[in-house]
Amino acid sequence: ILVHLSEETVTIKVVPDLLQFMNLQAGVEDLDGMPI
């Protein structure tokens, strides 16, 4: 998919398939530029 999007200027967002595992205060953290 990203190959097809490589020449586009749209905003790209990925929805992780982790909804069934997410419980309290789930979210994305940053560790020196690495998303956790």
All heavy atoms as atom14 arrays in JSON, in Angstrom:
{
  "sequence": "ILVHLSEETVTIKVVPDLLQFMNLQAGVEDLDGMPI",
  "atom14_mask": [
    [1, 1, 1, 1, 1, 1, 1, 1, 0, 0, 0, 0, 0, 0],
    [1, 1, 1, 1, 1, 1, 1, 1, 0, 0, 0, 0, 0, 0],
    [1, 1, 1, 1, 1, 1, 1, 0, 0, 0, 0, 0, 0, 0],
    [1, 1, 1, 1, 1, 1, 1, 1, 1, 1, 0, 0, 0, 0],
    [1, 1, 1, 1, 1, 1, 1, 1, 0, 0, 0, 0, 0, 0],
    [1, 1, 1, 1, 1, 1, 0, 0, 0, 0, 0, 0, 0, 0],
    [1, 1, 1, 1, 1, 1, 1, 1, 1, 0, 0, 0, 0, 0],
    [1, 1, 1, 1, 1, 1, 1, 1, 1, 0, 0, 0, 0, 0],
    [1, 1, 1, 1, 1, 1, 1, 0, 0, 0, 0, 0, 0, 0],
    [1, 1, 1, 1, 1, 1, 1, 0, 0, 0, 0, 0, 0, 0],
    [1, 1, 1, 1, 1, 1, 1, 0, 0, 0, 0, 0, 0, 0],
    [1, 1, 1, 1, 1, 1, 1, 1, 0, 0, 0, 0, 0, 0],
    [1, 1, 1, 1, 1, 1, 1, 1, 1, 0, 0, 0, 0, 0],
    [1, 1, 1, 1, 1, 1, 1, 0, 0, 0, 0, 0, 0, 0],
    [1, 1, 1, 1, 1, 1, 1, 0, 0, 0, 0, 0, 0, 0],
    [1, 1, 1, 1, 1, 1, 1, 0, 0, 0, 0, 0, 0, 0],
    [1, 1, 1, 1, 1, 1, 1, 1, 0, 0, 0, 0, 0, 0],
    [1, 1, 1, 1, 1, 1, 1, 1, 0, 0, 0, 0, 0, 0],
    [1, 1, 1, 1, 1, 1, 1, 1, 0, 0, 0, 0, 0, 0],
    [1, 1, 1, 1, 1, 1, 1, 1, 1, 0, 0, 0, 0, 0],
    [1, 1, 1, 1, 1, 1, 1, 1, 1, 1, 1, 0, 0, 0],
    [1, 1, 1, 1, 1, 1, 1, 1, 0, 0, 0, 0, 0, 0],
    [1, 1, 1, 1, 1, 1, 1, 1, 0, 0, 0, 0, 0, 0],
    [1, 1, 1, 1, 1, 1, 1, 1, 0, 0, 0, 0, 0, 0],
    [1, 1, 1, 1, 1, 1, 1, 1, 1, 0, 0, 0, 0, 0],
    [1, 1, 1, 1, 1, 0, 0, 0, 0, 0, 0, 0, 0, 0],
    [1, 1, 1, 1, 0, 0, 0, 0, 0, 0, 0, 0, 0, 0],
    [1, 1, 1, 1, 1, 1, 1, 0, 0, 0, 0, 0, 0, 0],
    [1, 1, 1, 1, 1, 1, 1, 1, 1, 0, 0, 0, 0, 0],
    [1, 1, 1, 1, 1, 1, 1, 1, 0, 0, 0, 0, 0, 0],
    [1, 1, 1, 1, 1, 1, 1, 1, 0, 0, 0, 0, 0, 0],
    [1, 1, 1, 1, 1, 1, 1, 1, 0, 0, 0, 0, 0, 0],
    [1, 1, 1, 1, 0, 0, 0, 0, 0, 0, 0, 0, 0, 0],
    [1, 1, 1, 1, 1, 1, 1, 1, 0, 0, 0, 0, 0, 0],
    [1, 1, 1, 1, 1, 1, 1, 0, 0, 0, 0, 0, 0, 0],
    [1, 1, 1, 1, 1, 1, 1, 1, 0, 0, 0, 0, 0, 0]
  ],
  "atom14_positions": [
    [[0.84, -1.21, 0.0], [0.0, 0.0, 0.0], [0.87, 1.25, 0.0], [0.61, 2.22, -0.73], [-0.94, -0.02, 1.23], [-1.94, -1.16, 1.09], [-1.66, 1.31, 1.38], [-2.66, -1.49, 2.37], [0.0, 0.0, 0.0], [0.0, 0.0, 0.0], [0.0, 0.0, 0.0], [0.0, 0.0, 0.0], [0.0, 0.0, 0.0], [0.0, 0.0, 0.0]],
    [[1.92, 1.25, 0.83], [2.79, 2.42, 0.92], [3.52, 2.7, -0.39], [3.85, 3.85, -0.69], [3.79, 2.24, 2.07], [3.18, 2.25, 3.47], [4.25, 1.98, 4.52], [2.48, 3.57, 3.77], [0.0, 0.0, 0.0], [0.0, 0.0, 0.0], [0.0, 0.0, 0.0], [0.0, 0.0, 0.0], [0.0, 0.0, 0.0], [0.0, 0.0, 0.0]],
    [[3.78, 1.68, -1.18], [4.38, 1.88, -2.51], [3.43, 2.7, -3.39], [3.85, 3.64, -4.08], [4.71, 0.53, -3.18], [5.09, 0.74, -4.64], [5.83, -0.17, -2.43], [0.0, 0.0, 0.0], [0.0, 0.0, 0.0], [0.0, 0.0, 0.0], [0.0, 0.0, 0.0], [0.0, 0.0, 0.0], [0.0, 0.0, 0.0], [0.0, 0.0, 0.0]],
    [[2.14, 2.36, -3.34], [1.14, 3.1, -4.11], [0.96, 4.53, -3.59], [0.56, 5.42, -4.33], [-0.2, 2.37, -4.09], [-0.22, 1.08, -4.85], [-0.1, 1.02, -6.22], [-0.32, -0.21, -4.42], [-0.15, -0.25, -6.61], [-0.27, -1.02, -5.54], [0.0, 0.0, 0.0], [0.0, 0.0, 0.0], [0.0, 0.0, 0.0], [0.0, 0.0, 0.0]],
    [[1.26, 4.74, -2.29], [1.07, 6.06, -1.68], [2.34, 6.91, -1.71], [2.32, 8.07, -1.3], [0.61, 5.91, -0.22], [-0.8, 5.36, -0.01], [-1.01, 5.03, 1.46], [-1.85, 6.37, -0.47], [0.0, 0.0, 0.0], [0.0, 0.0, 0.0], [0.0, 0.0, 0.0], [0.0, 0.0, 0.0], [0.0, 0.0, 0.0], [0.0, 0.0, 0.0]],
    [[3.44, 6.35, -2.19], [4.74, 7.01, -2.09], [4.81, 8.33, -2.86], [5.59, 9.22, -2.5], [5.85, 6.07, -2.58], [5.63, 5.72, -3.95], [0.0, 0.0, 0.0], [0.0, 0.0, 0.0], [0.0, 0.0, 0.0], [0.0, 0.0, 0.0], [0.0, 0.0, 0.0], [0.0, 0.0, 0.0], [0.0, 0.0, 0.0], [0.0, 0.0, 0.0]],
    [[4.01, 8.5, -3.88], [4.07, 9.73, -4.68], [2.89, 10.65, -4.4], [2.66, 11.62, -5.12], [4.11, 9.37, -6.17], [5.36, 8.59, -6.57], [5.39, 8.27, -8.05], [4.44, 8.68, -8.77], [6.36, 7.62, -8.49], [0.0, 0.0, 0.0], [0.0, 0.0, 0.0], [0.0, 0.0, 0.0], [0.0, 0.0, 0.0], [0.0, 0.0, 0.0]],
    [[2.14, 10.35, -3.35], [0.98, 11.18, -2.99], [1.32, 12.09, -1.82], [2.25, 11.81, -1.05], [-0.22, 10.29, -2.62], [-0.57, 9.25, -3.67], [-0.96, 9.87, -5.01], [-1.47, 11.0, -5.02], [-0.74, 9.22, -6.05], [0.0, 0.0, 0.0], [0.0, 0.0, 0.0], [0.0, 0.0, 0.0], [0.0, 0.0, 0.0], [0.0, 0.0, 0.0]],
    [[0.57, 13.17, -1.69], [0.83, 14.15, -0.62], [-0.24, 14.09, 0.48], [-0.29, 14.98, 1.33], [0.89, 15.57, -1.2], [-0.34, 15.86, -1.87], [2.04, 15.71, -2.17], [0.0, 0.0, 0.0], [0.0, 0.0, 0.0], [0.0, 0.0, 0.0], [0.0, 0.0, 0.0], [0.0, 0.0, 0.0], [0.0, 0.0, 0.0], [0.0, 0.0, 0.0]],
    [[-1.09, 13.09, 0.44], [-2.15, 12.98, 1.44], [-1.57, 12.62, 2.81], [-0.46, 12.08, 2.9], [-3.19, 11.92, 1.04], [-3.94, 12.34, -0.22], [-2.53, 10.57, 0.85], [0.0, 0.0, 0.0], [0.0, 0.0, 0.0], [0.0, 0.0, 0.0], [0.0, 0.0, 0.0], [0.0, 0.0, 0.0], [0.0, 0.0, 0.0], [0.0, 0.0, 0.0]],
    [[-2.33, 12.9, 3.84], [-1.96, 12.47, 5.19], [-2.27, 10.98, 5.33], [-3.38, 10.54, 5.01], [-2.75, 13.27, 6.24], [-2.46, 14.65, 6.09], [-2.39, 12.82, 7.66], [0.0, 0.0, 0.0], [0.0, 0.0, 0.0], [0.0, 0.0, 0.0], [0.0, 0.0, 0.0], [0.0, 0.0, 0.0], [0.0, 0.0, 0.0], [0.0, 0.0, 0.0]],
    [[-1.29, 10.22, 5.81], [-1.46, 8.77, 5.94], [-1.5, 8.41, 7.42], [-0.61, 8.8, 8.19], [-0.3, 8.01, 5.25], [-0.22, 8.41, 3.76], [-0.49, 6.5, 5.39], [1.04, 7.92, 3.08], [0.0, 0.0, 0.0], [0.0, 0.0, 0.0], [0.0, 0.0, 0.0], [0.0, 0.0, 0.0], [0.0, 0.0, 0.0], [0.0, 0.0, 0.0]],
    [[-2.51, 7.67, 7.83], [-2.65, 7.23, 9.21], [-2.87, 5.73, 9.23], [-3.57, 5.18, 8.38], [-3.82, 7.94, 9.89], [-3.66, 9.46, 9.98], [-4.86, 10.1, 10.64], [-4.73, 11.63, 10.66], [-3.71, 12.09, 11.6], [0.0, 0.0, 0.0], [0.0, 0.0, 0.0], [0.0, 0.0, 0.0], [0.0, 0.0, 0.0], [0.0, 0.0, 0.0]],
    [[-2.24, 5.06, 10.2], [-2.39, 3.61, 10.36], [-3.18, 3.34, 11.64], [-2.84, 3.86, 12.71], [-1.02, 2.91, 10.42], [-1.2, 1.42, 10.65], [-0.23, 3.16, 9.14], [0.0, 0.0, 0.0], [0.0, 0.0, 0.0], [0.0, 0.0, 0.0], [0.0, 0.0, 0.0], [0.0, 0.0, 0.0], [0.0, 0.0, 0.0], [0.0, 0.0, 0.0]],
    [[-4.24, 2.56, 11.52], [-5.05, 2.16, 12.68], [-4.58, 0.76, 13.1], [-4.83, -0.21, 12.38], [-6.55, 2.14, 12.33], [-7.37, 1.8, 13.57], [-6.98, 3.47, 11.74], [0.0, 0.0, 0.0], [0.0, 0.0, 0.0], [0.0, 0.0, 0.0], [0.0, 0.0, 0.0], [0.0, 0.0, 0.0], [0.0, 0.0, 0.0], [0.0, 0.0, 0.0]],
    [[-3.88, 0.63, 14.22], [-3.38, -0.7, 14.62], [-4.52, -1.61, 15.04], [-5.47, -1.18, 15.7], [-2.45, -0.38, 15.8], [-2.96, 0.91, 16.35], [-3.52, 1.68, 15.18], [0.0, 0.0, 0.0], [0.0, 0.0, 0.0], [0.0, 0.0, 0.0], [0.0, 0.0, 0.0], [0.0, 0.0, 0.0], [0.0, 0.0, 0.0], [0.0, 0.0, 0.0]],
    [[-4.43, -2.86, 14.65], [-5.46, -3.84, 15.01], [-5.21, -4.37, 16.42], [-4.92, -5.55, 16.63], [-5.44, -4.99, 14.0], [-6.61, -5.95, 14.21], [-7.61, -5.53, 14.82], [-6.52, -7.11, 13.78], [0.0, 0.0, 0.0], [0.0, 0.0, 0.0], [0.0, 0.0, 0.0], [0.0, 0.0, 0.0], [0.0, 0.0, 0.0], [0.0, 0.0, 0.0]],
    [[-5.31, -3.45, 17.37], [-5.04, -3.81, 18.77], [-6.2, -3.43, 19.67], [-6.06, -3.41, 20.9], [-3.77, -3.1, 19.26], [-2.47, -3.46, 18.53], [-1.36, -2.53, 18.96], [-2.08, -4.9, 18.82], [0.0, 0.0, 0.0], [0.0, 0.0, 0.0], [0.0, 0.0, 0.0], [0.0, 0.0, 0.0], [0.0, 0.0, 0.0], [0.0, 0.0, 0.0]],
    [[-7.36, -3.11, 19.07], [-8.48, -2.63, 19.87], [-8.9, -3.63, 20.94], [-9.27, -3.24, 22.05], [-9.68, -2.31, 18.96], [-9.53, -1.1, 18.04], [-10.76, -0.95, 17.16], [-9.31, 0.17, 18.85], [0.0, 0.0, 0.0], [0.0, 0.0, 0.0], [0.0, 0.0, 0.0], [0.0, 0.0, 0.0], [0.0, 0.0, 0.0], [0.0, 0.0, 0.0]],
    [[-8.84, -4.94, 20.59], [-9.27, -5.94, 21.57], [-8.31, -6.07, 22.73], [-8.64, -6.65, 23.75], [-9.48, -7.31, 20.89], [-8.2, -7.97, 20.38], [-7.9, -7.62, 18.94], [-8.16, -6.5, 18.52], [-7.38, -8.58, 18.19], [0.0, 0.0, 0.0], [0.0, 0.0, 0.0], [0.0, 0.0, 0.0], [0.0, 0.0, 0.0], [0.0, 0.0, 0.0]],
    [[-7.09, -5.53, 22.56], [-6.1, -5.62, 23.63], [-5.99, -4.34, 24.44], [-5.36, -4.31, 25.5], [-4.72, -5.96, 23.06], [-4.71, -7.19, 22.2], [-4.42, -7.1, 20.85], [-5.01, -8.43, 22.74], [-4.41, -8.24, 20.04], [-5.0, -9.57, 21.94], [-4.71, -9.47, 20.6], [0.0, 0.0, 0.0], [0.0, 0.0, 0.0], [0.0, 0.0, 0.0]],
    [[-6.56, -3.23, 23.94], [-6.41, -1.94, 24.59], [-7.38, -1.83, 25.77], [-8.57, -2.07, 25.62], [-6.65, -0.81, 23.61], [-5.53, -0.68, 22.58], [-5.74, 0.75, 21.5], [-4.17, 0.75, 20.65], [0.0, 0.0, 0.0], [0.0, 0.0, 0.0], [0.0, 0.0, 0.0], [0.0, 0.0, 0.0], [0.0, 0.0, 0.0], [0.0, 0.0, 0.0]],
    [[-6.86, -1.44, 26.91], [-7.68, -1.36, 28.11], [-7.63, 0.03, 28.71], [-8.33, 0.92, 28.27], [-7.21, -2.42, 29.12], [-7.44, -3.83, 28.6], [-8.58, -4.19, 28.32], [-6.39, -4.61, 28.46], [0.0, 0.0, 0.0], [0.0, 0.0, 0.0], [0.0, 0.0, 0.0], [0.0, 0.0, 0.0], [0.0, 0.0, 0.0], [0.0, 0.0, 0.0]],
    [[-6.77, 0.24, 29.7], [-6.74, 1.52, 30.42], [-5.73, 2.47, 29.82], [-4.58, 2.12, 29.62], [-6.38, 1.27, 31.9], [-7.32, 0.34, 32.66], [-6.8, 0.17, 34.07], [-8.73, 0.85, 32.67], [0.0, 0.0, 0.0], [0.0, 0.0, 0.0], [0.0, 0.0, 0.0], [0.0, 0.0, 0.0], [0.0, 0.0, 0.0], [0.0, 0.0, 0.0]],
    [[-6.17, 3.7, 29.55], [-5.26, 4.77, 29.13], [-4.37, 4.35, 27.97], [-3.19, 4.66, 27.93], [-4.4, 5.21, 30.33], [-5.2, 5.68, 31.52], [-6.04, 6.89, 31.23], [-5.57, 7.87, 30.66], [-7.3, 6.86, 31.62], [0.0, 0.0, 0.0], [0.0, 0.0, 0.0], [0.0, 0.0, 0.0], [0.0, 0.0, 0.0], [0.0, 0.0, 0.0]],
    [[-4.95, 3.6, 27.02], [-4.17, 3.19, 25.86], [-3.81, 4.41, 25.03], [-4.58, 5.36, 24.92], [-4.96, 2.18, 25.03], [0.0, 0.0, 0.0], [0.0, 0.0, 0.0], [0.0, 0.0, 0.0], [0.0, 0.0, 0.0], [0.0, 0.0, 0.0], [0.0, 0.0, 0.0], [0.0, 0.0, 0.0], [0.0, 0.0, 0.0], [0.0, 0.0, 0.0]],
    [[-2.65, 4.38, 24.42], [-2.23, 5.51, 23.59], [-0.84, 5.28, 23.02], [-0.25, 4.21, 23.18], [0.0, 0.0, 0.0], [0.0, 0.0, 0.0], [0.0, 0.0, 0.0], [0.0, 0.0, 0.0], [0.0, 0.0, 0.0], [0.0, 0.0, 0.0], [0.0, 0.0, 0.0], [0.0, 0.0, 0.0], [0.0, 0.0, 0.0], [0.0, 0.0, 0.0]],
    [[-0.35, 6.31, 22.34], [0.95, 6.22, 21.7], [1.93, 7.12, 22.45], [1.64, 8.29, 22.72], [0.88, 6.64, 20.22], [2.25, 6.57, 19.58], [-0.1, 5.74, 19.47], [0.0, 0.0, 0.0], [0.0, 0.0, 0.0], [0.0, 0.0, 0.0], [0.0, 0.0, 0.0], [0.0, 0.0, 0.0], [0.0, 0.0, 0.0], [0.0, 0.0, 0.0]],
    [[3.09, 6.56, 22.8], [4.12, 7.32, 23.48], [5.32, 7.48, 22.53], [5.41, 6.79, 21.51], [4.56, 6.6, 24.76], [3.42, 6.39, 25.74], [3.83, 5.5, 26.9], [4.99, 5.01, 26.89], [3.01, 5.28, 27.8], [0.0, 0.0, 0.0], [0.0, 0.0, 0.0], [0.0, 0.0, 0.0], [0.0, 0.0, 0.0], [0.0, 0.0, 0.0]],
    [[6.21, 8.38, 22.88], [7.39, 8.62, 22.05], [8.64, 8.31, 22.87], [8.82, 8.83, 23.98], [7.41, 10.08, 21.58], [8.63, 10.35, 20.69], [8.5, 10.15, 19.48], [9.68, 10.76, 21.22], [0.0, 0.0, 0.0], [0.0, 0.0, 0.0], [0.0, 0.0, 0.0], [0.0, 0.0, 0.0], [0.0, 0.0, 0.0], [0.0, 0.0, 0.0]],
    [[9.5, 7.44, 22.33], [10.76, 7.11, 22.98], [11.89, 7.5, 22.03], [12.27, 6.74, 21.15], [10.82, 5.62, 23.32], [12.12, 5.12, 23.96], [12.36, 5.83, 25.29], [12.09, 3.61, 24.16], [0.0, 0.0, 0.0], [0.0, 0.0, 0.0], [0.0, 0.0, 0.0], [0.0, 0.0, 0.0], [0.0, 0.0, 0.0], [0.0, 0.0, 0.0]],
    [[12.37, 8.75, 22.19], [13.45, 9.26, 21.36], [13.15, 9.07, 19.87], [13.97, 8.6, 19.09], [14.77, 8.55, 21.72], [15.98, 9.29, 21.13], [15.86, 10.51, 20.88], [17.02, 8.64, 20.93], [0.0, 0.0, 0.0], [0.0, 0.0, 0.0], [0.0, 0.0, 0.0], [0.0, 0.0, 0.0], [0.0, 0.0, 0.0], [0.0, 0.0, 0.0]],
    [[11.92, 9.45, 19.49], [11.52, 9.37, 18.09], [10.88, 8.06, 17.69], [10.36, 7.93, 16.58], [0.0, 0.0, 0.0], [0.0, 0.0, 0.0], [0.0, 0.0, 0.0], [0.0, 0.0, 0.0], [0.0, 0.0, 0.0], [0.0, 0.0, 0.0], [0.0, 0.0, 0.0], [0.0, 0.0, 0.0], [0.0, 0.0, 0.0], [0.0, 0.0, 0.0]],
    [[10.9, 7.05, 18.57], [10.29, 5.76, 18.26], [8.9, 5.69, 18.88], [8.75, 5.83, 20.09], [11.14, 4.61, 18.81], [10.5, 3.24, 18.59], [11.48, 1.91, 19.33], [12.9, 1.9, 18.21], [0.0, 0.0, 0.0], [0.0, 0.0, 0.0], [0.0, 0.0, 0.0], [0.0, 0.0, 0.0], [0.0, 0.0, 0.0], [0.0, 0.0, 0.0]],
    [[7.82, 5.49, 18.06], [6.47, 5.4, 18.62], [6.27, 4.09, 19.37], [6.61, 3.02, 18.86], [5.57, 5.48, 17.38], [6.43, 4.99, 16.26], [7.84, 5.4, 16.6], [0.0, 0.0, 0.0], [0.0, 0.0, 0.0], [0.0, 0.0, 0.0], [0.0, 0.0, 0.0], [0.0, 0.0, 0.0], [0.0, 0.0, 0.0], [0.0, 0.0, 0.0]],
    [[5.76, 4.18, 20.58], [5.47, 3.01, 21.4], [3.98, 3.01, 21.71], [3.45, 4.01, 22.22], [6.27, 3.04, 22.73], [7.77, 3.23, 22.47], [5.99, 1.77, 23.53], [8.44, 2.07, 21.78], [0.0, 0.0, 0.0], [0.0, 0.0, 0.0], [0.0, 0.0, 0.0], [0.0, 0.0, 0.0], [0.0, 0.0, 0.0], [0.0, 0.0, 0.0]]
  ]
}
